[in-house]
Amino acid sequence: MTVRRLLCLAAVLAAAACGSGDDGLAYRAYTDHYVFRITADPTPPHARERTRYKVVVRDKDTGQPIEGGEGRIFASSRDGASTWDSFVAGPEVGTYYANLNYVVSGDWAVAIQFRRDSTHTLERADWMQEVAPERSSTP
């Protein structure tokens, strides 16, 4: 009986490990009509390296994923450097992708703008992103 319980526990733990791995590192943002779950790869971002953002968008009232939306992500450093990219719909329902390239390390003001379609107004969510120094090219 003990072996069976251990196997059941192992199966439960394995199932939990197979869940959304990036969810624990996701930043959650809210606007009047949307809920955003935002993840960056790599986390934390590094200067002079492409950072791929995954943005999952849901309707704030119904929790339904938003398909066919329009949006962008953009960022500015204290030194006046900036970067931006438009969202591209991903294969997952309600998921969008964009890439940023931070040219310097430090604190960046980041924002996303999103709307369901061209008949709706853009809604904006802001946050601060710490960008790690550029990685050394030598091992």
N, C-alpha and C. Protein backbone atom coordinates (compact mmCIF):
# COMPACT_ATOMS: atom_id res chain seq x y z
N MET A 1 0.81 -1.19 0.00
CA MET A 1 0.00 0.00 0.00
C MET A 1 0.86 1.26 0.00
N THR A 2 1.98 1.26 0.67
CA THR A 2 2.86 2.41 0.74
C THR A 2 3.45 2.73 -0.63
N VAL A 3 3.83 1.72 -1.39
CA VAL A 3 4.38 1.93 -2.73
C VAL A 3 3.33 2.60 -3.62
N ARG A 4 2.09 2.14 -3.52
CA ARG A 4 1.02 2.73 -4.32
C ARG A 4 0.83 4.21 -3.98
N ARG A 5 0.89 4.55 -2.70
CA ARG A 5 0.75 5.95 -2.29
C ARG A 5 1.91 6.79 -2.79
N LEU A 6 3.11 6.25 -2.73
CA LEU A 6 4.27 6.97 -3.24
C LEU A 6 4.16 7.21 -4.75
N LEU A 7 3.66 6.21 -5.47
CA LEU A 7 3.48 6.37 -6.91
C LEU A 7 2.42 7.43 -7.22
N CYS A 8 1.35 7.44 -6.44
CA CYS A 8 0.31 8.46 -6.62
C CYS A 8 0.87 9.85 -6.34
N LEU A 9 1.65 9.98 -5.26
CA LEU A 9 2.25 11.27 -4.93
C LEU A 9 3.21 11.71 -6.04
N ALA A 10 4.00 10.79 -6.56
CA ALA A 10 4.92 11.12 -7.64
C ALA A 10 4.16 11.57 -8.88
N ALA A 11 3.04 10.93 -9.18
CA ALA A 11 2.23 11.32 -10.34
C ALA A 11 1.66 12.72 -10.16
N VAL A 12 1.20 13.04 -8.96
CA VAL A 12 0.65 14.37 -8.69
C VAL A 12 1.74 15.43 -8.82
N LEU A 13 2.91 15.16 -8.27
CA LEU A 13 4.02 16.11 -8.37
C LEU A 13 4.47 16.29 -9.81
N ALA A 14 4.51 15.22 -10.57
CA ALA A 14 4.90 15.31 -11.98
C ALA A 14 3.89 16.13 -12.77
N ALA A 15 2.62 15.94 -12.49
CA ALA A 15 1.58 16.71 -13.18
C ALA A 15 1.69 18.19 -12.84
N ALA A 16 1.97 18.50 -11.60
CA ALA A 16 2.13 19.90 -11.20
C ALA A 16 3.34 20.53 -11.87
N ALA A 17 4.41 19.77 -12.01
CA ALA A 17 5.62 20.27 -12.65
C ALA A 17 5.42 20.52 -14.13
N CYS A 18 4.49 19.81 -14.75
CA CYS A 18 4.24 19.97 -16.18
C CYS A 18 3.33 21.14 -16.49
N GLY A 19 2.82 21.81 -15.48
CA GLY A 19 1.94 22.95 -15.70
C GLY A 19 2.71 24.11 -16.30
N SER A 20 2.06 25.26 -16.40
CA SER A 20 2.66 26.45 -16.98
C SER A 20 3.89 26.85 -16.17
N GLY A 21 5.07 26.59 -16.71
CA GLY A 21 6.30 26.85 -16.00
C GLY A 21 6.61 28.31 -15.81
N ASP A 22 6.15 29.18 -16.72
CA ASP A 22 6.46 30.58 -16.61
C ASP A 22 5.45 31.35 -15.79
N ASP A 23 4.40 30.71 -15.33
CA ASP A 23 3.33 31.40 -14.63
C ASP A 23 3.82 32.04 -13.33
N GLY A 24 4.75 31.38 -12.63
CA GLY A 24 5.25 31.93 -11.38
C GLY A 24 6.07 33.21 -11.58
N LEU A 25 6.64 33.38 -12.77
CA LEU A 25 7.43 34.56 -13.06
C LEU A 25 6.65 35.60 -13.85
N ALA A 26 5.39 35.35 -14.10
CA ALA A 26 4.58 36.25 -14.90
C ALA A 26 4.23 37.51 -14.13
N TYR A 27 4.26 38.63 -14.84
CA TYR A 27 3.80 39.89 -14.29
C TYR A 27 2.34 40.04 -14.69
N ARG A 28 1.50 40.37 -13.76
CA ARG A 28 0.09 40.56 -14.05
C ARG A 28 -0.23 42.05 -14.06
N ALA A 29 -0.93 42.46 -15.12
CA ALA A 29 -1.32 43.87 -15.25
C ALA A 29 -2.80 43.92 -15.60
N TYR A 30 -3.43 45.01 -15.21
CA TYR A 30 -4.87 45.15 -15.40
C TYR A 30 -5.19 46.53 -15.96
N THR A 31 -6.17 46.57 -16.86
CA THR A 31 -6.73 47.83 -17.33
C THR A 31 -8.24 47.77 -17.09
N ASP A 32 -8.96 48.72 -17.62
CA ASP A 32 -10.41 48.73 -17.41
C ASP A 32 -11.10 47.48 -17.95
N HIS A 33 -10.61 46.96 -19.08
CA HIS A 33 -11.29 45.84 -19.74
C HIS A 33 -10.46 44.58 -19.91
N TYR A 34 -9.15 44.63 -19.59
CA TYR A 34 -8.28 43.49 -19.87
C TYR A 34 -7.44 43.09 -18.67
N VAL A 35 -7.09 41.81 -18.66
CA VAL A 35 -6.12 41.26 -17.71
C VAL A 35 -4.97 40.72 -18.55
N PHE A 36 -3.74 41.11 -18.22
CA PHE A 36 -2.56 40.68 -18.95
C PHE A 36 -1.68 39.82 -18.07
N ARG A 37 -1.15 38.74 -18.62
CA ARG A 37 -0.12 37.92 -17.97
C ARG A 37 1.09 38.02 -18.88
N ILE A 38 2.14 38.66 -18.38
CA ILE A 38 3.30 39.02 -19.20
C ILE A 38 4.52 38.28 -18.70
N THR A 39 5.20 37.58 -19.62
CA THR A 39 6.45 36.91 -19.26
C THR A 39 7.53 37.31 -20.25
N ALA A 40 8.76 37.32 -19.77
CA ALA A 40 9.91 37.69 -20.59
C ALA A 40 10.88 36.52 -20.64
N ASP A 41 11.49 36.32 -21.80
CA ASP A 41 12.50 35.29 -21.98
C ASP A 41 13.69 35.92 -22.69
N PRO A 42 14.84 36.09 -22.00
CA PRO A 42 15.16 35.58 -20.67
C PRO A 42 14.61 36.49 -19.57
N THR A 43 14.56 35.92 -18.39
CA THR A 43 14.19 36.67 -17.19
C THR A 43 15.33 36.56 -16.20
N PRO A 44 15.95 37.64 -15.77
CA PRO A 44 15.67 39.00 -16.21
C PRO A 44 16.27 39.25 -17.59
N PRO A 45 15.76 40.27 -18.29
CA PRO A 45 16.35 40.63 -19.58
C PRO A 45 17.78 41.12 -19.38
N HIS A 46 18.58 40.96 -20.42
CA HIS A 46 19.96 41.45 -20.42
C HIS A 46 20.12 42.49 -21.50
N ALA A 47 20.97 43.48 -21.23
CA ALA A 47 21.25 44.52 -22.21
C ALA A 47 21.85 43.90 -23.47
N ARG A 48 21.50 44.47 -24.61
CA ARG A 48 22.03 44.08 -25.93
C ARG A 48 21.72 42.63 -26.30
N GLU A 49 20.57 42.16 -25.81
CA GLU A 49 20.14 40.79 -26.09
C GLU A 49 18.63 40.83 -26.33
N ARG A 50 18.17 40.10 -27.33
CA ARG A 50 16.74 40.09 -27.63
C ARG A 50 15.97 39.48 -26.47
N THR A 51 14.92 40.16 -26.04
CA THR A 51 14.03 39.67 -25.01
C THR A 51 12.67 39.43 -25.66
N ARG A 52 12.19 38.21 -25.58
CA ARG A 52 10.90 37.85 -26.18
C ARG A 52 9.83 37.90 -25.09
N TYR A 53 8.83 38.73 -25.34
CA TYR A 53 7.71 38.86 -24.41
C TYR A 53 6.53 38.05 -24.91
N LYS A 54 5.91 37.35 -23.97
CA LYS A 54 4.68 36.61 -24.22
C LYS A 54 3.60 37.31 -23.40
N VAL A 55 2.53 37.74 -24.07
CA VAL A 55 1.47 38.47 -23.40
C VAL A 55 0.16 37.72 -23.62
N VAL A 56 -0.41 37.22 -22.55
CA VAL A 56 -1.70 36.53 -22.61
C VAL A 56 -2.76 37.55 -22.18
N VAL A 57 -3.76 37.76 -23.04
CA VAL A 57 -4.77 38.79 -22.80
C VAL A 57 -6.13 38.12 -22.61
N ARG A 58 -6.80 38.51 -21.52
CA ARG A 58 -8.15 38.00 -21.23
C ARG A 58 -9.08 39.17 -20.93
N ASP A 59 -10.35 38.97 -21.23
CA ASP A 59 -11.37 39.94 -20.88
C ASP A 59 -11.48 40.00 -19.36
N LYS A 60 -11.47 41.19 -18.80
CA LYS A 60 -11.47 41.34 -17.34
C LYS A 60 -12.76 40.83 -16.71
N ASP A 61 -13.89 40.99 -17.39
CA ASP A 61 -15.17 40.58 -16.82
C ASP A 61 -15.47 39.10 -17.01
N THR A 62 -15.20 38.58 -18.20
CA THR A 62 -15.59 37.20 -18.51
C THR A 62 -14.46 36.20 -18.36
N GLY A 63 -13.20 36.67 -18.39
CA GLY A 63 -12.06 35.77 -18.32
C GLY A 63 -11.75 35.09 -19.64
N GLN A 64 -12.50 35.43 -20.69
CA GLN A 64 -12.29 34.81 -22.01
C GLN A 64 -11.05 35.40 -22.68
N PRO A 65 -10.27 34.57 -23.39
CA PRO A 65 -9.11 35.08 -24.12
C PRO A 65 -9.55 36.01 -25.25
N ILE A 66 -8.73 37.02 -25.53
CA ILE A 66 -9.03 37.99 -26.57
C ILE A 66 -8.24 37.62 -27.82
N GLU A 67 -8.95 37.26 -28.87
CA GLU A 67 -8.32 36.95 -30.16
C GLU A 67 -8.44 38.14 -31.09
N GLY A 68 -7.49 38.27 -32.02
CA GLY A 68 -7.57 39.30 -33.04
C GLY A 68 -7.30 40.70 -32.55
N GLY A 69 -6.69 40.83 -31.37
CA GLY A 69 -6.40 42.15 -30.82
C GLY A 69 -5.21 42.81 -31.48
N GLU A 70 -5.03 44.07 -31.14
CA GLU A 70 -3.92 44.87 -31.65
C GLU A 70 -3.18 45.47 -30.47
N GLY A 71 -1.85 45.50 -30.56
CA GLY A 71 -1.11 46.09 -29.46
C GLY A 71 0.36 46.23 -29.74
N ARG A 72 1.04 46.78 -28.77
CA ARG A 72 2.48 46.95 -28.85
C ARG A 72 3.05 47.01 -27.45
N ILE A 73 4.36 46.80 -27.37
CA ILE A 73 5.11 46.96 -26.12
C ILE A 73 6.22 47.95 -26.40
N PHE A 74 6.49 48.82 -25.44
CA PHE A 74 7.54 49.81 -25.63
C PHE A 74 8.18 50.13 -24.30
N ALA A 75 9.42 50.63 -24.37
CA ALA A 75 10.18 50.88 -23.14
C ALA A 75 11.13 52.06 -23.34
N SER A 76 11.41 52.75 -22.22
CA SER A 76 12.36 53.87 -22.22
C SER A 76 13.23 53.78 -20.99
N SER A 77 14.52 54.10 -21.18
CA SER A 77 15.45 54.12 -20.06
C SER A 77 15.55 55.54 -19.51
N ARG A 78 16.19 55.67 -18.37
CA ARG A 78 16.39 57.00 -17.77
C ARG A 78 17.29 57.86 -18.65
N ASP A 79 18.14 57.19 -19.44
CA ASP A 79 19.07 57.91 -20.32
C ASP A 79 18.43 58.34 -21.63
N GLY A 80 17.18 58.00 -21.85
CA GLY A 80 16.50 58.40 -23.08
C GLY A 80 16.53 57.36 -24.18
N ALA A 81 17.09 56.19 -23.93
CA ALA A 81 17.07 55.12 -24.93
C ALA A 81 15.66 54.53 -24.98
N SER A 82 15.26 54.06 -26.14
CA SER A 82 13.93 53.47 -26.23
C SER A 82 13.92 52.29 -27.20
N THR A 83 12.91 51.45 -27.06
CA THR A 83 12.72 50.28 -27.90
C THR A 83 11.23 49.96 -27.94
N TRP A 84 10.76 49.34 -29.02
CA TRP A 84 9.34 48.98 -29.11
C TRP A 84 9.17 47.88 -30.14
N ASP A 85 8.00 47.22 -30.08
CA ASP A 85 7.64 46.21 -31.06
C ASP A 85 6.12 46.02 -31.03
N SER A 86 5.55 45.69 -32.18
CA SER A 86 4.12 45.39 -32.28
C SER A 86 3.87 43.95 -31.87
N PHE A 87 2.68 43.68 -31.36
CA PHE A 87 2.30 42.31 -31.02
C PHE A 87 2.02 41.51 -32.28
N VAL A 88 2.43 40.25 -32.22
CA VAL A 88 2.09 39.27 -33.25
C VAL A 88 1.33 38.17 -32.55
N ALA A 89 0.17 37.80 -33.12
CA ALA A 89 -0.64 36.74 -32.50
C ALA A 89 0.13 35.43 -32.51
N GLY A 90 0.07 34.73 -31.39
CA GLY A 90 0.72 33.44 -31.27
C GLY A 90 -0.24 32.31 -31.59
N PRO A 91 0.25 31.08 -31.60
CA PRO A 91 -0.62 29.94 -31.89
C PRO A 91 -1.62 29.65 -30.77
N GLU A 92 -1.33 30.11 -29.55
CA GLU A 92 -2.22 29.90 -28.43
C GLU A 92 -3.31 30.98 -28.45
N VAL A 93 -4.52 30.61 -28.12
CA VAL A 93 -5.65 31.55 -28.12
C VAL A 93 -5.38 32.66 -27.11
N GLY A 94 -5.53 33.91 -27.55
CA GLY A 94 -5.37 35.06 -26.66
C GLY A 94 -3.94 35.38 -26.30
N THR A 95 -2.98 34.85 -27.05
CA THR A 95 -1.57 35.05 -26.74
C THR A 95 -0.88 35.84 -27.86
N TYR A 96 -0.06 36.78 -27.45
CA TYR A 96 0.65 37.65 -28.39
C TYR A 96 2.13 37.67 -28.01
N TYR A 97 2.99 37.88 -29.02
CA TYR A 97 4.43 37.92 -28.81
C TYR A 97 5.01 39.20 -29.37
N ALA A 98 6.09 39.68 -28.73
CA ALA A 98 6.83 40.84 -29.21
C ALA A 98 8.25 40.74 -28.66
N ASN A 99 9.18 41.41 -29.31
CA ASN A 99 10.58 41.39 -28.90
C ASN A 99 11.08 42.79 -28.60
N LEU A 100 11.87 42.91 -27.54
CA LEU A 100 12.53 44.18 -27.23
C LEU A 100 14.03 43.92 -27.13
N ASN A 101 14.81 44.94 -27.47
CA ASN A 101 16.26 44.89 -27.31
C ASN A 101 16.67 46.09 -26.47
N TYR A 102 16.95 45.84 -25.20
CA TYR A 102 17.38 46.90 -24.30
C TYR A 102 18.86 47.18 -24.57
N VAL A 103 19.21 48.42 -24.87
CA VAL A 103 20.59 48.73 -25.24
C VAL A 103 21.49 48.98 -24.04
N VAL A 104 20.90 49.29 -22.89
CA VAL A 104 21.70 49.50 -21.68
C VAL A 104 21.02 48.81 -20.50
N SER A 105 21.81 48.50 -19.49
CA SER A 105 21.24 47.90 -18.29
C SER A 105 20.66 48.99 -17.40
N GLY A 106 19.92 48.56 -16.39
CA GLY A 106 19.32 49.51 -15.45
C GLY A 106 17.81 49.40 -15.46
N ASP A 107 17.17 50.40 -14.87
CA ASP A 107 15.71 50.41 -14.79
C ASP A 107 15.10 51.02 -16.05
N TRP A 108 14.11 50.33 -16.60
CA TRP A 108 13.39 50.79 -17.78
C TRP A 108 11.91 50.90 -17.44
N ALA A 109 11.27 51.95 -17.94
CA ALA A 109 9.82 52.09 -17.85
C ALA A 109 9.25 51.36 -19.07
N VAL A 110 8.43 50.35 -18.83
CA VAL A 110 7.86 49.52 -19.89
C VAL A 110 6.35 49.67 -19.87
N ALA A 111 5.74 49.61 -21.05
CA ALA A 111 4.29 49.69 -21.14
C ALA A 111 3.79 48.85 -22.30
N ILE A 112 2.55 48.43 -22.18
CA ILE A 112 1.87 47.81 -23.31
C ILE A 112 0.60 48.61 -23.57
N GLN A 113 0.25 48.69 -24.84
CA GLN A 113 -1.02 49.25 -25.26
C GLN A 113 -1.74 48.15 -26.02
N PHE A 114 -3.03 48.02 -25.77
CA PHE A 114 -3.79 46.94 -26.40
C PHE A 114 -5.24 47.37 -26.59
N ARG A 115 -5.82 46.85 -27.68
CA ARG A 115 -7.26 47.00 -27.90
C ARG A 115 -7.78 45.75 -28.59
N ARG A 116 -9.04 45.49 -28.34
CA ARG A 116 -9.71 44.30 -28.89
C ARG A 116 -9.72 44.34 -30.42
N ASP A 117 -10.02 45.52 -30.98
CA ASP A 117 -10.00 45.74 -32.43
C ASP A 117 -9.99 47.24 -32.65
N SER A 118 -9.99 47.65 -33.92
CA SER A 118 -9.84 49.07 -34.24
C SER A 118 -11.04 49.92 -33.81
N THR A 119 -12.14 49.31 -33.42
CA THR A 119 -13.29 50.08 -32.95
C THR A 119 -13.22 50.41 -31.46
N HIS A 120 -12.25 49.83 -30.76
CA HIS A 120 -12.09 50.07 -29.32
C HIS A 120 -10.88 50.96 -29.07
N THR A 121 -10.88 51.63 -27.92
CA THR A 121 -9.76 52.50 -27.57
C THR A 121 -8.59 51.66 -27.04
N LEU A 122 -7.39 52.19 -27.22
CA LEU A 122 -6.20 51.55 -26.66
C LEU A 122 -6.22 51.70 -25.15
N GLU A 123 -5.88 50.62 -24.45
CA GLU A 123 -5.73 50.66 -23.00
C GLU A 123 -4.28 50.35 -22.68
N ARG A 124 -3.78 50.98 -21.64
CA ARG A 124 -2.35 50.93 -21.35
C ARG A 124 -2.08 50.39 -19.95
N ALA A 125 -1.04 49.57 -19.85
CA ALA A 125 -0.53 49.07 -18.57
C ALA A 125 0.96 49.36 -18.52
N ASP A 126 1.45 49.87 -17.39
CA ASP A 126 2.85 50.26 -17.22
C ASP A 126 3.50 49.50 -16.08
N TRP A 127 4.81 49.28 -16.18
CA TRP A 127 5.58 48.72 -15.09
C TRP A 127 7.05 49.08 -15.26
N MET A 128 7.82 48.84 -14.23
CA MET A 128 9.27 49.05 -14.28
C MET A 128 9.95 47.70 -14.46
N GLN A 129 10.96 47.69 -15.32
CA GLN A 129 11.69 46.46 -15.64
C GLN A 129 13.17 46.69 -15.37
N GLU A 130 13.75 45.85 -14.52
CA GLU A 130 15.19 45.91 -14.31
C GLU A 130 15.87 45.08 -15.38
N VAL A 131 16.84 45.68 -16.06
CA VAL A 131 17.58 45.00 -17.13
C VAL A 131 19.00 44.74 -16.63
N ALA A 132 19.40 43.48 -16.70
CA ALA A 132 20.73 43.08 -16.24
C ALA A 132 21.80 43.55 -17.23
N PRO A 133 23.04 43.65 -16.77
CA PRO A 133 24.12 44.04 -17.67
C PRO A 133 24.30 43.07 -18.83
N GLU A 134 24.94 43.55 -19.87
CA GLU A 134 25.24 42.73 -21.04
C GLU A 134 26.09 41.52 -20.60
N ARG A 135 25.75 40.37 -21.19
CA ARG A 135 26.53 39.18 -20.86
C ARG A 135 27.86 39.22 -21.58
N SER A 136 28.87 38.72 -20.94
CA SER A 136 30.20 38.69 -21.53
C SER A 136 30.23 37.72 -22.70
N SER A 137 30.92 38.07 -23.75
CA SER A 137 31.02 37.18 -24.91
C SER A 137 32.13 36.15 -24.73
N THR A 138 32.96 36.32 -23.69
CA THR A 138 34.00 35.35 -23.41
C THR A 138 33.55 34.43 -22.28
N PRO A 139 33.84 33.13 -22.37
CA PRO A 139 33.40 32.19 -21.32
C PRO A 139 34.06 32.38 -19.99
